[in-house]
Amino acid sequence: MTSDELNQFTKNLFWDADPDDLDLEKHKNYIVGRVLDYGEWNDWLFIRSYYGIEIIKDTATSIRSMFPKSLSFISVMTNTPEQQFRCFENVKKKVSNPFR
C-alpha cells in the first residue's frame, strides 16, 4: 500500500500486518473485513470511495466471520438482508449464545 493510501486509514487498523505489504486489490477481503469490524467512519468513507458499494457488498457477503454490529451495518448500508452474508449463521449463534 502506498503511503498516501495508508494515510487514509486509522493508524492502528492493521496492527497485525505490515501495511507496506498490503495491496488494496489483492488483500481486499482482509481490508474490507478489518474496516467493517474495527474501522472508524473515515475508514468506511475511504473504502466506499475506493471500491464502491457493490464491490464492498460482494466482498462482505463472502467474509466468514464478522462482529454482529458489523453485519448489521453492512446489511443496512448495502440494503442486503443479513441472511445473504456468509457469516450470518456464525453471527446468529454468537448473538443467541454470547457465552459460547
N, C-alpha and C. Protein backbone atom coordinates (compact mmCIF):
# COMPACT_ATOMS: atom_id res chain seq x y z
N MET A 1 0.85 -1.16 0.00
CA MET A 1 0.00 0.00 0.00
C MET A 1 0.90 1.23 0.00
N THR A 2 0.57 2.19 -0.80
CA THR A 2 1.38 3.41 -0.83
C THR A 2 1.15 4.21 0.45
N SER A 3 2.07 5.09 0.75
CA SER A 3 1.92 5.88 1.97
C SER A 3 0.69 6.79 1.91
N ASP A 4 0.33 7.26 0.72
CA ASP A 4 -0.88 8.08 0.59
C ASP A 4 -2.12 7.26 0.92
N GLU A 5 -2.18 6.03 0.41
CA GLU A 5 -3.32 5.15 0.71
C GLU A 5 -3.33 4.77 2.18
N LEU A 6 -2.18 4.45 2.71
CA LEU A 6 -2.06 4.07 4.11
C LEU A 6 -2.53 5.20 5.03
N ASN A 7 -2.22 6.42 4.67
CA ASN A 7 -2.61 7.57 5.49
C ASN A 7 -4.12 7.80 5.50
N GLN A 8 -4.84 7.16 4.60
CA GLN A 8 -6.29 7.29 4.57
C GLN A 8 -6.95 6.49 5.70
N PHE A 9 -6.23 5.50 6.24
CA PHE A 9 -6.79 4.61 7.26
C PHE A 9 -6.39 5.04 8.66
N THR A 10 -7.21 4.65 9.64
CA THR A 10 -6.87 4.85 11.04
C THR A 10 -5.53 4.19 11.31
N LYS A 11 -4.69 4.86 12.05
CA LYS A 11 -3.30 4.43 12.23
C LYS A 11 -3.13 2.98 12.67
N ASN A 12 -3.92 2.51 13.61
CA ASN A 12 -3.73 1.17 14.17
C ASN A 12 -4.64 0.11 13.56
N LEU A 13 -5.27 0.39 12.45
CA LEU A 13 -6.23 -0.53 11.86
C LEU A 13 -5.59 -1.86 11.46
N PHE A 14 -4.36 -1.81 10.99
CA PHE A 14 -3.68 -3.03 10.54
C PHE A 14 -2.54 -3.38 11.50
N TRP A 15 -2.88 -3.53 12.77
CA TRP A 15 -1.88 -3.76 13.80
C TRP A 15 -1.13 -5.08 13.63
N ASP A 16 -1.74 -6.07 12.96
CA ASP A 16 -1.12 -7.38 12.85
C ASP A 16 -0.49 -7.64 11.49
N ALA A 17 -0.39 -6.62 10.67
CA ALA A 17 0.18 -6.78 9.33
C ALA A 17 1.09 -5.60 9.03
N ASP A 18 2.01 -5.83 8.13
CA ASP A 18 2.88 -4.75 7.68
C ASP A 18 2.12 -4.00 6.58
N PRO A 19 1.68 -2.79 6.84
CA PRO A 19 0.89 -2.05 5.84
C PRO A 19 1.61 -1.90 4.50
N ASP A 20 2.93 -1.89 4.51
CA ASP A 20 3.67 -1.77 3.25
C ASP A 20 3.48 -2.99 2.36
N ASP A 21 3.11 -4.13 2.96
CA ASP A 21 2.91 -5.37 2.21
C ASP A 21 1.47 -5.53 1.72
N LEU A 22 0.58 -4.67 2.19
CA LEU A 22 -0.83 -4.78 1.80
C LEU A 22 -1.07 -4.16 0.43
N ASP A 23 -1.89 -4.83 -0.33
CA ASP A 23 -2.29 -4.35 -1.65
C ASP A 23 -3.82 -4.20 -1.62
N LEU A 24 -4.32 -3.03 -2.00
CA LEU A 24 -5.76 -2.77 -1.91
C LEU A 24 -6.60 -3.73 -2.75
N GLU A 25 -6.07 -4.25 -3.83
CA GLU A 25 -6.82 -5.20 -4.65
C GLU A 25 -6.60 -6.64 -4.17
N LYS A 26 -5.36 -7.00 -4.00
CA LYS A 26 -5.01 -8.38 -3.63
C LYS A 26 -5.56 -8.75 -2.24
N HIS A 27 -5.57 -7.82 -1.32
CA HIS A 27 -5.99 -8.09 0.06
C HIS A 27 -7.33 -7.43 0.39
N LYS A 28 -8.18 -7.34 -0.62
CA LYS A 28 -9.47 -6.66 -0.48
C LYS A 28 -10.33 -7.26 0.63
N ASN A 29 -10.41 -8.60 0.71
CA ASN A 29 -11.23 -9.23 1.75
C ASN A 29 -10.74 -8.85 3.14
N TYR A 30 -9.45 -8.89 3.34
CA TYR A 30 -8.86 -8.55 4.63
C TYR A 30 -9.13 -7.09 4.99
N ILE A 31 -8.93 -6.21 4.03
CA ILE A 31 -9.08 -4.77 4.28
C ILE A 31 -10.55 -4.42 4.57
N VAL A 32 -11.45 -4.93 3.74
CA VAL A 32 -12.88 -4.65 3.96
C VAL A 32 -13.33 -5.22 5.30
N GLY A 33 -12.94 -6.45 5.59
CA GLY A 33 -13.31 -7.05 6.87
C GLY A 33 -12.78 -6.28 8.06
N ARG A 34 -11.54 -5.85 7.96
CA ARG A 34 -10.92 -5.10 9.06
C ARG A 34 -11.63 -3.76 9.26
N VAL A 35 -11.95 -3.09 8.17
CA VAL A 35 -12.65 -1.80 8.28
C VAL A 35 -14.04 -2.00 8.88
N LEU A 36 -14.75 -3.03 8.45
CA LEU A 36 -16.09 -3.26 9.00
C LEU A 36 -16.05 -3.57 10.49
N ASP A 37 -15.09 -4.36 10.93
CA ASP A 37 -15.04 -4.75 12.34
C ASP A 37 -14.36 -3.72 13.24
N TYR A 38 -13.32 -3.07 12.75
CA TYR A 38 -12.52 -2.22 13.62
C TYR A 38 -12.36 -0.77 13.14
N GLY A 39 -12.83 -0.50 11.95
CA GLY A 39 -12.59 0.81 11.36
C GLY A 39 -13.45 1.91 11.94
N GLU A 40 -13.03 3.11 11.66
CA GLU A 40 -13.78 4.30 12.03
C GLU A 40 -14.50 4.82 10.78
N TRP A 41 -15.31 5.82 10.97
CA TRP A 41 -16.12 6.35 9.86
C TRP A 41 -15.26 6.75 8.66
N ASN A 42 -14.14 7.40 8.90
CA ASN A 42 -13.27 7.80 7.79
C ASN A 42 -12.72 6.61 7.02
N ASP A 43 -12.48 5.48 7.70
CA ASP A 43 -12.03 4.27 7.02
C ASP A 43 -13.12 3.76 6.09
N TRP A 44 -14.36 3.78 6.59
CA TRP A 44 -15.50 3.37 5.76
C TRP A 44 -15.63 4.27 4.53
N LEU A 45 -15.52 5.57 4.74
CA LEU A 45 -15.64 6.51 3.61
C LEU A 45 -14.56 6.26 2.57
N PHE A 46 -13.35 5.94 3.02
CA PHE A 46 -12.27 5.68 2.07
C PHE A 46 -12.52 4.42 1.26
N ILE A 47 -12.89 3.31 1.92
CA ILE A 47 -13.10 2.09 1.12
C ILE A 47 -14.32 2.24 0.22
N ARG A 48 -15.33 2.98 0.68
CA ARG A 48 -16.50 3.20 -0.17
C ARG A 48 -16.13 4.00 -1.42
N SER A 49 -15.27 4.99 -1.27
CA SER A 49 -14.86 5.77 -2.44
C SER A 49 -13.88 4.98 -3.31
N TYR A 50 -13.07 4.13 -2.71
CA TYR A 50 -12.07 3.38 -3.48
C TYR A 50 -12.70 2.20 -4.22
N TYR A 51 -13.47 1.37 -3.50
CA TYR A 51 -14.04 0.16 -4.10
C TYR A 51 -15.42 0.37 -4.69
N GLY A 52 -16.23 1.20 -4.07
CA GLY A 52 -17.63 1.33 -4.46
C GLY A 52 -18.48 0.37 -3.64
N ILE A 53 -19.74 0.70 -3.49
CA ILE A 53 -20.62 -0.06 -2.60
C ILE A 53 -20.87 -1.48 -3.11
N GLU A 54 -20.95 -1.69 -4.41
CA GLU A 54 -21.21 -3.03 -4.95
C GLU A 54 -20.06 -3.98 -4.68
N ILE A 55 -18.84 -3.53 -4.88
CA ILE A 55 -17.68 -4.38 -4.62
C ILE A 55 -17.57 -4.67 -3.12
N ILE A 56 -17.84 -3.67 -2.29
CA ILE A 56 -17.82 -3.91 -0.84
C ILE A 56 -18.88 -4.94 -0.48
N LYS A 57 -20.07 -4.81 -1.04
CA LYS A 57 -21.14 -5.77 -0.77
C LYS A 57 -20.73 -7.18 -1.20
N ASP A 58 -20.22 -7.32 -2.41
CA ASP A 58 -19.79 -8.63 -2.90
C ASP A 58 -18.69 -9.22 -2.02
N THR A 59 -17.78 -8.39 -1.60
CA THR A 59 -16.69 -8.84 -0.73
C THR A 59 -17.23 -9.23 0.64
N ALA A 60 -18.06 -8.39 1.22
CA ALA A 60 -18.58 -8.64 2.57
C ALA A 60 -19.47 -9.88 2.63
N THR A 61 -20.20 -10.17 1.57
CA THR A 61 -21.07 -11.35 1.59
C THR A 61 -20.26 -12.64 1.63
N SER A 62 -18.99 -12.59 1.28
CA SER A 62 -18.16 -13.80 1.30
C SER A 62 -17.30 -13.94 2.55
N ILE A 63 -17.32 -12.95 3.43
CA ILE A 63 -16.49 -12.99 4.64
C ILE A 63 -17.09 -13.99 5.63
N ARG A 64 -16.25 -14.86 6.18
CA ARG A 64 -16.71 -15.93 7.07
C ARG A 64 -17.12 -15.47 8.45
N SER A 65 -16.43 -14.48 8.97
CA SER A 65 -16.67 -14.07 10.35
C SER A 65 -16.72 -12.55 10.43
N MET A 66 -17.68 -12.07 11.21
CA MET A 66 -17.85 -10.63 11.34
C MET A 66 -18.56 -10.37 12.67
N PHE A 67 -18.28 -9.26 13.28
CA PHE A 67 -18.99 -8.89 14.50
C PHE A 67 -20.46 -8.63 14.17
N PRO A 68 -21.37 -8.92 15.10
CA PRO A 68 -22.79 -8.67 14.85
C PRO A 68 -23.08 -7.23 14.43
N LYS A 69 -22.44 -6.26 15.07
CA LYS A 69 -22.68 -4.85 14.70
C LYS A 69 -22.20 -4.57 13.28
N SER A 70 -21.12 -5.24 12.88
CA SER A 70 -20.59 -5.04 11.52
C SER A 70 -21.55 -5.61 10.49
N LEU A 71 -22.11 -6.78 10.79
CA LEU A 71 -23.09 -7.38 9.89
C LEU A 71 -24.32 -6.48 9.75
N SER A 72 -24.81 -5.97 10.85
CA SER A 72 -25.97 -5.07 10.80
C SER A 72 -25.66 -3.83 9.98
N PHE A 73 -24.48 -3.26 10.20
CA PHE A 73 -24.07 -2.05 9.49
C PHE A 73 -24.01 -2.29 7.98
N ILE A 74 -23.30 -3.33 7.56
CA ILE A 74 -23.12 -3.56 6.12
C ILE A 74 -24.44 -3.98 5.47
N SER A 75 -25.28 -4.66 6.22
CA SER A 75 -26.59 -5.03 5.71
C SER A 75 -27.42 -3.79 5.40
N VAL A 76 -27.42 -2.83 6.31
CA VAL A 76 -28.18 -1.59 6.12
C VAL A 76 -27.55 -0.75 5.01
N MET A 77 -26.23 -0.62 5.03
CA MET A 77 -25.55 0.24 4.05
C MET A 77 -25.68 -0.27 2.62
N THR A 78 -25.82 -1.59 2.46
CA THR A 78 -25.93 -2.16 1.11
C THR A 78 -27.35 -2.59 0.77
N ASN A 79 -28.28 -2.39 1.73
CA ASN A 79 -29.67 -2.81 1.53
C ASN A 79 -29.75 -4.29 1.15
N THR A 80 -29.00 -5.11 1.89
CA THR A 80 -28.92 -6.55 1.65
C THR A 80 -29.34 -7.27 2.93
N PRO A 81 -30.28 -8.23 2.83
CA PRO A 81 -30.68 -8.96 4.03
C PRO A 81 -29.47 -9.67 4.68
N GLU A 82 -29.44 -9.67 6.00
CA GLU A 82 -28.32 -10.30 6.72
C GLU A 82 -28.14 -11.76 6.33
N GLN A 83 -29.23 -12.44 6.00
CA GLN A 83 -29.18 -13.86 5.65
C GLN A 83 -28.34 -14.12 4.41
N GLN A 84 -28.10 -13.12 3.59
CA GLN A 84 -27.33 -13.31 2.36
C GLN A 84 -25.82 -13.25 2.60
N PHE A 85 -25.41 -12.94 3.82
CA PHE A 85 -23.99 -12.88 4.14
C PHE A 85 -23.53 -14.23 4.66
N ARG A 86 -22.37 -14.65 4.21
CA ARG A 86 -21.82 -15.95 4.59
C ARG A 86 -21.68 -16.08 6.11
N CYS A 87 -21.37 -15.02 6.78
CA CYS A 87 -21.13 -15.04 8.23
C CYS A 87 -22.42 -15.08 9.04
N PHE A 88 -23.57 -15.01 8.41
CA PHE A 88 -24.84 -14.86 9.13
C PHE A 88 -25.05 -15.95 10.19
N GLU A 89 -24.85 -17.20 9.84
CA GLU A 89 -25.09 -18.30 10.79
C GLU A 89 -24.16 -18.20 11.99
N ASN A 90 -22.89 -17.88 11.75
CA ASN A 90 -21.94 -17.72 12.86
C ASN A 90 -22.33 -16.56 13.76
N VAL A 91 -22.73 -15.46 13.16
CA VAL A 91 -23.12 -14.28 13.93
C VAL A 91 -24.38 -14.59 14.74
N LYS A 92 -25.32 -15.28 14.11
CA LYS A 92 -26.57 -15.62 14.78
C LYS A 92 -26.30 -16.50 16.01
N LYS A 93 -25.37 -17.44 15.89
CA LYS A 93 -25.01 -18.31 17.02
C LYS A 93 -24.40 -17.49 18.15
N LYS A 94 -23.53 -16.55 17.81
CA LYS A 94 -22.87 -15.73 18.84
C LYS A 94 -23.89 -14.87 19.58
N VAL A 95 -24.85 -14.33 18.85
CA VAL A 95 -25.84 -13.46 19.47
C VAL A 95 -26.79 -14.27 20.34
N SER A 96 -27.18 -15.46 19.89
CA SER A 96 -28.13 -16.26 20.66
C SER A 96 -27.47 -16.88 21.90
N ASN A 97 -26.15 -17.10 21.85
CA ASN A 97 -25.44 -17.65 22.99
C ASN A 97 -24.11 -16.91 23.15
N PRO A 98 -24.12 -15.77 23.81
CA PRO A 98 -22.91 -14.94 23.89
C PRO A 98 -21.79 -15.57 24.72
N PHE A 99 -22.08 -16.63 25.49
CA PHE A 99 -21.06 -17.26 26.32
C PHE A 99 -20.42 -18.47 25.66
N ARG A 100 -20.74 -18.69 24.45
CA ARG A 100 -20.23 -19.84 23.71
C ARG A 100 -18.84 -19.62 23.25
